[in-house]
Amino acid sequence: MTLNNAEIVGLCGLVVSLISIWLQWGLSDRLDQIEDQHKDARINGQQAAAKIRFWKTFAPVLTLTGVALLVYAAFGLFS
């Protein structure tokens, strides 16, 4: 991997990691909003469960993706 490619992949990994940190930071507020929507009967229990499952899975998966991109870029620099 050339230096330019490693820099691009590393920058993408950094951006993805920062977005995932922001998503994880606000996860409790987001889950509270979903619970409030369910309590106010704006969404049913099945929709609330699906949204909660999505947010509890999406943020950690995005974090791991960012880390994987950063590791790939680091190994690309040294190979």
PDB file of N, CA and C in Angstrom:
ATOM      1  N   MET A   1       0.847  -1.166   0.000  1.00  0.00           N
ATOM      2  CA  MET A   1       0.000   0.000   0.000  1.00  0.00           C
ATOM      3  C   MET A   1       0.899   1.238   0.000  1.00  0.00           C
ATOM      4  N   THR A   2       0.594   2.177  -0.854  1.00  0.00           N
ATOM      5  CA  THR A   2       1.393   3.392  -0.917  1.00  0.00           C
ATOM      6  C   THR A   2       1.033   4.310   0.245  1.00  0.00           C
ATOM      7  N   LEU A   3       1.865   5.297   0.443  1.00  0.00           N
ATOM      8  CA  LEU A   3       1.658   6.232   1.544  1.00  0.00           C
ATOM      9  C   LEU A   3       0.345   6.996   1.377  1.00  0.00           C
ATOM     10  N   ASN A   4       0.039   7.413   0.156  1.00  0.00           N
ATOM     11  CA  ASN A   4      -1.197   8.155  -0.068  1.00  0.00           C
ATOM     12  C   ASN A   4      -2.431   7.305   0.246  1.00  0.00           C
ATOM     13  N   ASN A   5      -2.424   6.057  -0.180  1.00  0.00           N
ATOM     14  CA  ASN A   5      -3.555   5.173   0.108  1.00  0.00           C
ATOM     15  C   ASN A   5      -3.697   4.933   1.604  1.00  0.00           C
ATOM     16  N   ALA A   6      -2.580   4.729   2.285  1.00  0.00           N
ATOM     17  CA  ALA A   6      -2.619   4.500   3.726  1.00  0.00           C
ATOM     18  C   ALA A   6      -3.146   5.735   4.451  1.00  0.00           C
ATOM     19  N   GLU A   7      -2.769   6.914   3.975  1.00  0.00           N
ATOM     20  CA  GLU A   7      -3.267   8.155   4.586  1.00  0.00           C
ATOM     21  C   GLU A   7      -4.769   8.292   4.396  1.00  0.00           C
ATOM     22  N   ILE A   8      -5.268   7.962   3.221  1.00  0.00           N
ATOM     23  CA  ILE A   8      -6.702   8.064   2.945  1.00  0.00           C
ATOM     24  C   ILE A   8      -7.479   7.071   3.800  1.00  0.00           C
ATOM     25  N   VAL A   9      -6.993   5.824   3.859  1.00  0.00           N
ATOM     26  CA  VAL A   9      -7.664   4.805   4.661  1.00  0.00           C
ATOM     27  C   VAL A   9      -7.615   5.191   6.141  1.00  0.00           C
ATOM     28  N   GLY A  10      -6.483   5.691   6.596  1.00  0.00           N
ATOM     29  CA  GLY A  10      -6.343   6.122   7.988  1.00  0.00           C
ATOM     30  C   GLY A  10      -7.261   7.285   8.318  1.00  0.00           C
ATOM     31  N   LEU A  11      -7.384   8.227   7.396  1.00  0.00           N
ATOM     32  CA  LEU A  11      -8.271   9.369   7.616  1.00  0.00           C
ATOM     33  C   LEU A  11      -9.735   8.908   7.660  1.00  0.00           C
ATOM     34  N   CYS A  12     -10.090   7.990   6.769  1.00  0.00           N
ATOM     35  CA  CYS A  12     -11.451   7.433   6.801  1.00  0.00           C
ATOM     36  C   CYS A  12     -11.702   6.709   8.114  1.00  0.00           C
ATOM     37  N   GLY A  13     -10.724   5.956   8.578  1.00  0.00           N
ATOM     38  CA  GLY A  13     -10.849   5.261   9.861  1.00  0.00           C
ATOM     39  C   GLY A  13     -11.011   6.224  11.015  1.00  0.00           C
ATOM     40  N   LEU A  14     -10.291   7.336  10.966  1.00  0.00           N
ATOM     41  CA  LEU A  14     -10.404   8.348  12.011  1.00  0.00           C
ATOM     42  C   LEU A  14     -11.785   8.990  12.007  1.00  0.00           C
ATOM     43  N   VAL A  15     -12.284   9.325  10.830  1.00  0.00           N
ATOM     44  CA  VAL A  15     -13.616   9.932  10.725  1.00  0.00           C
ATOM     45  C   VAL A  15     -14.694   8.965  11.212  1.00  0.00           C
ATOM     46  N   VAL A  16     -14.610   7.714  10.783  1.00  0.00           N
ATOM     47  CA  VAL A  16     -15.590   6.708  11.213  1.00  0.00           C
ATOM     48  C   VAL A  16     -15.518   6.521  12.732  1.00  0.00           C
ATOM     49  N   SER A  17     -14.319   6.503  13.280  1.00  0.00           N
ATOM     50  CA  SER A  17     -14.166   6.349  14.724  1.00  0.00           C
ATOM     51  C   SER A  17     -14.758   7.530  15.480  1.00  0.00           C
ATOM     52  N   LEU A  18     -14.536   8.731  14.993  1.00  0.00           N
ATOM     53  CA  LEU A  18     -15.093   9.915  15.654  1.00  0.00           C
ATOM     54  C   LEU A  18     -16.618   9.931  15.586  1.00  0.00           C
ATOM     55  N   ILE A  19     -17.171   9.542  14.452  1.00  0.00           N
ATOM     56  CA  ILE A  19     -18.633   9.458  14.328  1.00  0.00           C
ATOM     57  C   ILE A  19     -19.185   8.409  15.293  1.00  0.00           C
ATOM     58  N   SER A  20     -18.500   7.278  15.392  1.00  0.00           N
ATOM     59  CA  SER A  20     -18.983   6.229  16.288  1.00  0.00           C
ATOM     60  C   SER A  20     -18.876   6.652  17.751  1.00  0.00           C
ATOM     61  N   ILE A  21     -17.849   7.409  18.098  1.00  0.00           N
ATOM     62  CA  ILE A  21     -17.735   7.926  19.468  1.00  0.00           C
ATOM     63  C   ILE A  21     -18.894   8.864  19.761  1.00  0.00           C
ATOM     64  N   TRP A  22     -19.228   9.727  18.810  1.00  0.00           N
ATOM     65  CA  TRP A  22     -20.351  10.641  18.984  1.00  0.00           C
ATOM     66  C   TRP A  22     -21.661   9.868  19.153  1.00  0.00           C
ATOM     67  N   LEU A  23     -21.842   8.824  18.351  1.00  0.00           N
ATOM     68  CA  LEU A  23     -23.053   8.009  18.459  1.00  0.00           C
ATOM     69  C   LEU A  23     -23.119   7.290  19.804  1.00  0.00           C
ATOM     70  N   GLN A  24     -22.005   6.761  20.266  1.00  0.00           N
ATOM     71  CA  GLN A  24     -21.994   6.073  21.560  1.00  0.00           C
ATOM     72  C   GLN A  24     -22.227   7.063  22.698  1.00  0.00           C
ATOM     73  N   TRP A  25     -21.699   8.279  22.553  1.00  0.00           N
ATOM     74  CA  TRP A  25     -21.848   9.289  23.591  1.00  0.00           C
ATOM     75  C   TRP A  25     -23.322   9.625  23.810  1.00  0.00           C
ATOM     76  N   GLY A  26     -24.097   9.727  22.739  1.00  0.00           N
ATOM     77  CA  GLY A  26     -25.502  10.085  22.838  1.00  0.00           C
ATOM     78  C   GLY A  26     -26.451   8.900  22.836  1.00  0.00           C
ATOM     79  N   LEU A  27     -25.916   7.694  23.007  1.00  0.00           N
ATOM     80  CA  LEU A  27     -26.748   6.499  22.915  1.00  0.00           C
ATOM     81  C   LEU A  27     -27.816   6.453  24.000  1.00  0.00           C
ATOM     82  N   SER A  28     -27.463   6.807  25.219  1.00  0.00           N
ATOM     83  CA  SER A  28     -28.459   6.742  26.299  1.00  0.00           C
ATOM     84  C   SER A  28     -29.601   7.725  26.058  1.00  0.00           C
ATOM     85  N   ASP A  29     -29.287   8.917  25.554  1.00  0.00           N
ATOM     86  CA  ASP A  29     -30.341   9.887  25.232  1.00  0.00           C
ATOM     87  C   ASP A  29     -31.232   9.373  24.106  1.00  0.00           C
ATOM     88  N   ARG A  30     -30.620   8.766  23.111  1.00  0.00           N
ATOM     89  CA  ARG A  30     -31.372   8.232  21.979  1.00  0.00           C
ATOM     90  C   ARG A  30     -32.306   7.106  22.427  1.00  0.00           C
ATOM     91  N   LEU A  31     -31.808   6.244  23.299  1.00  0.00           N
ATOM     92  CA  LEU A  31     -32.638   5.154  23.809  1.00  0.00           C
ATOM     93  C   LEU A  31     -33.773   5.686  24.683  1.00  0.00           C
ATOM     94  N   ASP A  32     -33.484   6.734  25.467  1.00  0.00           N
ATOM     95  CA  ASP A  32     -34.542   7.358  26.272  1.00  0.00           C
ATOM     96  C   ASP A  32     -35.634   7.956  25.386  1.00  0.00           C
ATOM     97  N   GLN A  33     -35.244   8.563  24.272  1.00  0.00           N
ATOM     98  CA  GLN A  33     -36.230   9.124  23.347  1.00  0.00           C
ATOM     99  C   GLN A  33     -37.116   8.027  22.755  1.00  0.00           C
ATOM    100  N   ILE A  34     -36.522   6.899  22.439  1.00  0.00           N
ATOM    101  CA  ILE A  34     -37.303   5.787  21.896  1.00  0.00           C
ATOM    102  C   ILE A  34     -38.288   5.276  22.944  1.00  0.00           C
ATOM    103  N   GLU A  35     -37.826   5.162  24.187  1.00  0.00           N
ATOM    104  CA  GLU A  35     -38.722   4.712  25.255  1.00  0.00           C
ATOM    105  C   GLU A  35     -39.856   5.706  25.481  1.00  0.00           C
ATOM    106  N   ASP A  36     -39.553   6.999  25.399  1.00  0.00           N
ATOM    107  CA  ASP A  36     -40.593   8.015  25.547  1.00  0.00           C
ATOM    108  C   ASP A  36     -41.615   7.936  24.410  1.00  0.00           C
ATOM    109  N   GLN A  37     -41.140   7.700  23.204  1.00  0.00           N
ATOM    110  CA  GLN A  37     -42.057   7.543  22.075  1.00  0.00           C
ATOM    111  C   GLN A  37     -42.970   6.346  22.290  1.00  0.00           C
ATOM    112  N   HIS A  38     -42.415   5.281  22.851  1.00  0.00           N
ATOM    113  CA  HIS A  38     -43.229   4.096  23.127  1.00  0.00           C
ATOM    114  C   HIS A  38     -44.252   4.381  24.230  1.00  0.00           C
ATOM    115  N   LYS A  39     -43.839   5.097  25.272  1.00  0.00           N
ATOM    116  CA  LYS A  39     -44.750   5.437  26.363  1.00  0.00           C
ATOM    117  C   LYS A  39     -45.871   6.351  25.892  1.00  0.00           C
ATOM    118  N   ASP A  40     -45.541   7.237  24.939  1.00  0.00           N
ATOM    119  CA  ASP A  40     -46.548   8.167  24.408  1.00  0.00           C
ATOM    120  C   ASP A  40     -47.402   7.522  23.316  1.00  0.00           C
ATOM    121  N   ALA A  41     -47.177   6.257  23.053  1.00  0.00           N
ATOM    122  CA  ALA A  41     -47.927   5.472  22.055  1.00  0.00           C
ATOM    123  C   ALA A  41     -47.757   6.000  20.628  1.00  0.00           C
ATOM    124  N   ARG A  42     -46.606   6.632  20.360  1.00  0.00           N
ATOM    125  CA  ARG A  42     -46.312   7.057  18.988  1.00  0.00           C
ATOM    126  C   ARG A  42     -45.734   5.915  18.171  1.00  0.00           C
ATOM    127  N   ILE A  43     -45.098   4.957  18.868  1.00  0.00           N
ATOM    128  CA  ILE A  43     -44.622   3.750  18.209  1.00  0.00           C
ATOM    129  C   ILE A  43     -45.038   2.560  19.079  1.00  0.00           C
ATOM    130  N   ASN A  44     -45.196   1.402  18.453  1.00  0.00           N
ATOM    131  CA  ASN A  44     -45.595   0.231  19.235  1.00  0.00           C
ATOM    132  C   ASN A  44     -44.357  -0.468  19.809  1.00  0.00           C
ATOM    133  N   GLY A  45     -44.589  -1.489  20.607  1.00  0.00           N
ATOM    134  CA  GLY A  45     -43.490  -2.185  21.270  1.00  0.00           C
ATOM    135  C   GLY A  45     -42.520  -2.841  20.318  1.00  0.00           C
ATOM    136  N   GLN A  46     -43.047  -3.366  19.227  1.00  0.00           N
ATOM    137  CA  GLN A  46     -42.181  -4.029  18.248  1.00  0.00           C
ATOM    138  C   GLN A  46     -41.264  -3.015  17.555  1.00  0.00           C
ATOM    139  N   GLN A  47     -41.815  -1.846  17.221  1.00  0.00           N
ATOM    140  CA  GLN A  47     -40.988  -0.811  16.599  1.00  0.00           C
ATOM    141  C   GLN A  47     -39.931  -0.298  17.576  1.00  0.00           C
ATOM    142  N   ALA A  48     -40.325  -0.127  18.832  1.00  0.00           N
ATOM    143  CA  ALA A  48     -39.374   0.341  19.846  1.00  0.00           C
ATOM    144  C   ALA A  48     -38.245  -0.668  20.023  1.00  0.00           C
ATOM    145  N   ALA A  49     -38.591  -1.944  20.086  1.00  0.00           N
ATOM    146  CA  ALA A  49     -37.565  -2.980  20.244  1.00  0.00           C
ATOM    147  C   ALA A  49     -36.616  -3.012  19.054  1.00  0.00           C
ATOM    148  N   ALA A  50     -37.168  -2.843  17.857  1.00  0.00           N
ATOM    149  CA  ALA A  50     -36.324  -2.850  16.654  1.00  0.00           C
ATOM    150  C   ALA A  50     -35.375  -1.648  16.650  1.00  0.00           C
ATOM    151  N   LYS A  51     -35.877  -0.478  17.028  1.00  0.00           N
ATOM    152  CA  LYS A  51     -35.019   0.715  17.064  1.00  0.00           C
ATOM    153  C   LYS A  51     -33.938   0.584  18.126  1.00  0.00           C
ATOM    154  N   ILE A  52     -34.298   0.079  19.282  1.00  0.00           N
ATOM    155  CA  ILE A  52     -33.314  -0.098  20.354  1.00  0.00           C
ATOM    156  C   ILE A  52     -32.248  -1.100  19.927  1.00  0.00           C
ATOM    157  N   ARG A  53     -32.660  -2.202  19.328  1.00  0.00           N
ATOM    158  CA  ARG A  53     -31.715  -3.213  18.849  1.00  0.00           C
ATOM    159  C   ARG A  53     -30.776  -2.612  17.801  1.00  0.00           C
ATOM    160  N   PHE A  54     -31.333  -1.798  16.892  1.00  0.00           N
ATOM    161  CA  PHE A  54     -30.506  -1.182  15.856  1.00  0.00           C
ATOM    162  C   PHE A  54     -29.430  -0.299  16.470  1.00  0.00           C
ATOM    163  N   TRP A  55     -29.815   0.609  17.368  1.00  0.00           N
ATOM    164  CA  TRP A  55     -28.849   1.550  17.928  1.00  0.00           C
ATOM    165  C   TRP A  55     -27.834   0.863  18.833  1.00  0.00           C
ATOM    166  N   LYS A  56     -28.251  -0.192  19.536  1.00  0.00           N
ATOM    167  CA  LYS A  56     -27.304  -0.910  20.392  1.00  0.00           C
ATOM    168  C   LYS A  56     -26.316  -1.733  19.570  1.00  0.00           C
ATOM    169  N   THR A  57     -26.637  -2.025  18.321  1.00  0.00           N
ATOM    170  CA  THR A  57     -25.740  -2.790  17.449  1.00  0.00           C
ATOM    171  C   THR A  57     -24.924  -1.881  16.538  1.00  0.00           C
ATOM    172  N   PHE A  58     -25.557  -0.834  16.007  1.00  0.00           N
ATOM    173  CA  PHE A  58     -24.921   0.007  14.995  1.00  0.00           C
ATOM    174  C   PHE A  58     -23.698   0.747  15.526  1.00  0.00           C
ATOM    175  N   ALA A  59     -23.820   1.373  16.682  1.00  0.00           N
ATOM    176  CA  ALA A  59     -22.705   2.164  17.210  1.00  0.00           C
ATOM    177  C   ALA A  59     -21.461   1.311  17.483  1.00  0.00           C
ATOM    178  N   PRO A  60     -21.573   0.161  18.160  1.00  0.00           N
ATOM    179  CA  PRO A  60     -20.361  -0.653  18.361  1.00  0.00           C
ATOM    180  C   PRO A  60     -19.777  -1.213  17.063  1.00  0.00           C
ATOM    181  N   VAL A  61     -20.630  -1.580  16.125  1.00  0.00           N
ATOM    182  CA  VAL A  61     -20.128  -2.091  14.845  1.00  0.00           C
ATOM    183  C   VAL A  61     -19.368  -0.991  14.108  1.00  0.00           C
ATOM    184  N   LEU A  62     -19.876   0.228  14.173  1.00  0.00           N
ATOM    185  CA  LEU A  62     -19.180   1.349  13.531  1.00  0.00           C
ATOM    186  C   LEU A  62     -17.838   1.616  14.214  1.00  0.00           C
ATOM    187  N   THR A  63     -17.785   1.468  15.519  1.00  0.00           N
ATOM    188  CA  THR A  63     -16.525   1.629  16.244  1.00  0.00           C
ATOM    189  C   THR A  63     -15.503   0.593  15.786  1.00  0.00           C
ATOM    190  N   LEU A  64     -15.928  -0.654  15.704  1.00  0.00           N
ATOM    191  CA  LEU A  64     -15.014  -1.708  15.256  1.00  0.00           C
ATOM    192  C   LEU A  64     -14.578  -1.499  13.812  1.00  0.00           C
ATOM    193  N   THR A  65     -15.460  -0.977  12.978  1.00  0.00           N
ATOM    194  CA  THR A  65     -15.093  -0.686  11.590  1.00  0.00           C
ATOM    195  C   THR A  65     -14.014   0.392  11.535  1.00  0.00           C
ATOM    196  N   GLY A  66     -14.179   1.439  12.324  1.00  0.00           N
ATOM    197  CA  GLY A  66     -13.169   2.500  12.370  1.00  0.00           C
ATOM    198  C   GLY A  66     -11.825   1.992  12.843  1.00  0.00           C
ATOM    199  N   VAL A  67     -11.840   1.161  13.876  1.00  0.00           N
ATOM    200  CA  VAL A  67     -10.591   0.588  14.388  1.00  0.00           C
ATOM    201  C   VAL A  67      -9.949  -0.315  13.331  1.00  0.00           C
ATOM    202  N   ALA A  68     -10.761  -1.102  12.649  1.00  0.00           N
ATOM    203  CA  ALA A  68     -10.230  -1.984  11.604  1.00  0.00           C
ATOM    204  C   ALA A  68      -9.573  -1.168  10.486  1.00  0.00           C
ATOM    205  N   LEU A  69     -10.203  -0.066  10.100  1.00  0.00           N
ATOM    206  CA  LEU A  69      -9.606   0.789   9.066  1.00  0.00           C
ATOM    207  C   LEU A  69      -8.287   1.389   9.536  1.00  0.00           C
ATOM    208  N   LEU A  70      -8.227   1.808  10.787  1.00  0.00           N
ATOM    209  CA  LEU A  70      -6.985   2.375  11.315  1.00  0.00           C
ATOM    210  C   LEU A  70      -5.874   1.326  11.377  1.00  0.00           C
ATOM    211  N   VAL A  71      -6.216   0.126  11.795  1.00  0.00           N
ATOM    212  CA  VAL A  71      -5.223  -0.950  11.860  1.00  0.00           C
ATOM    213  C   VAL A  71      -4.746  -1.313  10.454  1.00  0.00           C
ATOM    214  N   TYR A  72      -5.681  -1.383   9.508  1.00  0.00           N
ATOM    215  CA  TYR A  72      -5.319  -1.690   8.124  1.00  0.00           C
ATOM    216  C   TYR A  72      -4.366  -0.625   7.565  1.00  0.00           C
ATOM    217  N   ALA A  73      -4.652   0.633   7.865  1.00  0.00           N
ATOM    218  CA  ALA A  73      -3.772   1.712   7.406  1.00  0.00           C
ATOM    219  C   ALA A  73      -2.395   1.620   8.053  1.00  0.00           C
ATOM    220  N   ALA A  74      -2.358   1.294   9.352  1.00  0.00           N
ATOM    221  CA  ALA A  74      -1.073   1.186  10.046  1.00  0.00           C
ATOM    222  C   ALA A  74      -0.248   0.043   9.474  1.00  0.00           C
ATOM    223  N   PHE A  75      -0.865  -1.101   9.233  1.00  0.00           N
ATOM    224  CA  PHE A  75      -0.115  -2.221   8.646  1.00  0.00           C
ATOM    225  C   PHE A  75       0.273  -1.917   7.201  1.00  0.00           C
ATOM    226  N   GLY A  76      -0.511  -1.115   6.523  1.00  0.00           N
ATOM    227  CA  GLY A  76      -0.172  -0.737   5.154  1.00  0.00           C
ATOM    228  C   GLY A  76       1.053   0.159   5.101  1.00  0.00           C
ATOM    229  N   LEU A  77       1.244   0.962   6.139  1.00  0.00           N
ATOM    230  CA  LEU A  77       2.421   1.837   6.189  1.00  0.00           C
ATOM    231  C   LEU A  77       3.711   1.051   6.402  1.00  0.00           C
ATOM    232  N   PHE A  78       3.618  -0.050   7.146  1.00  0.00           N
ATOM    233  CA  PHE A  78       4.813  -0.792   7.505  1.00  0.00           C
ATOM    234  C   PHE A  78       5.090  -1.986   6.599  1.00  0.00           C
ATOM    235  N   SER A  79       4.253  -2.195   5.598  1.00  0.00           N
ATOM    236  CA  SER A  79       4.507  -3.342   4.722  1.00  0.00           C
ATOM    237  C   SER A  79       5.214  -2.931   3.463  1.00  0.00           C
TER     238      SER A  79
END
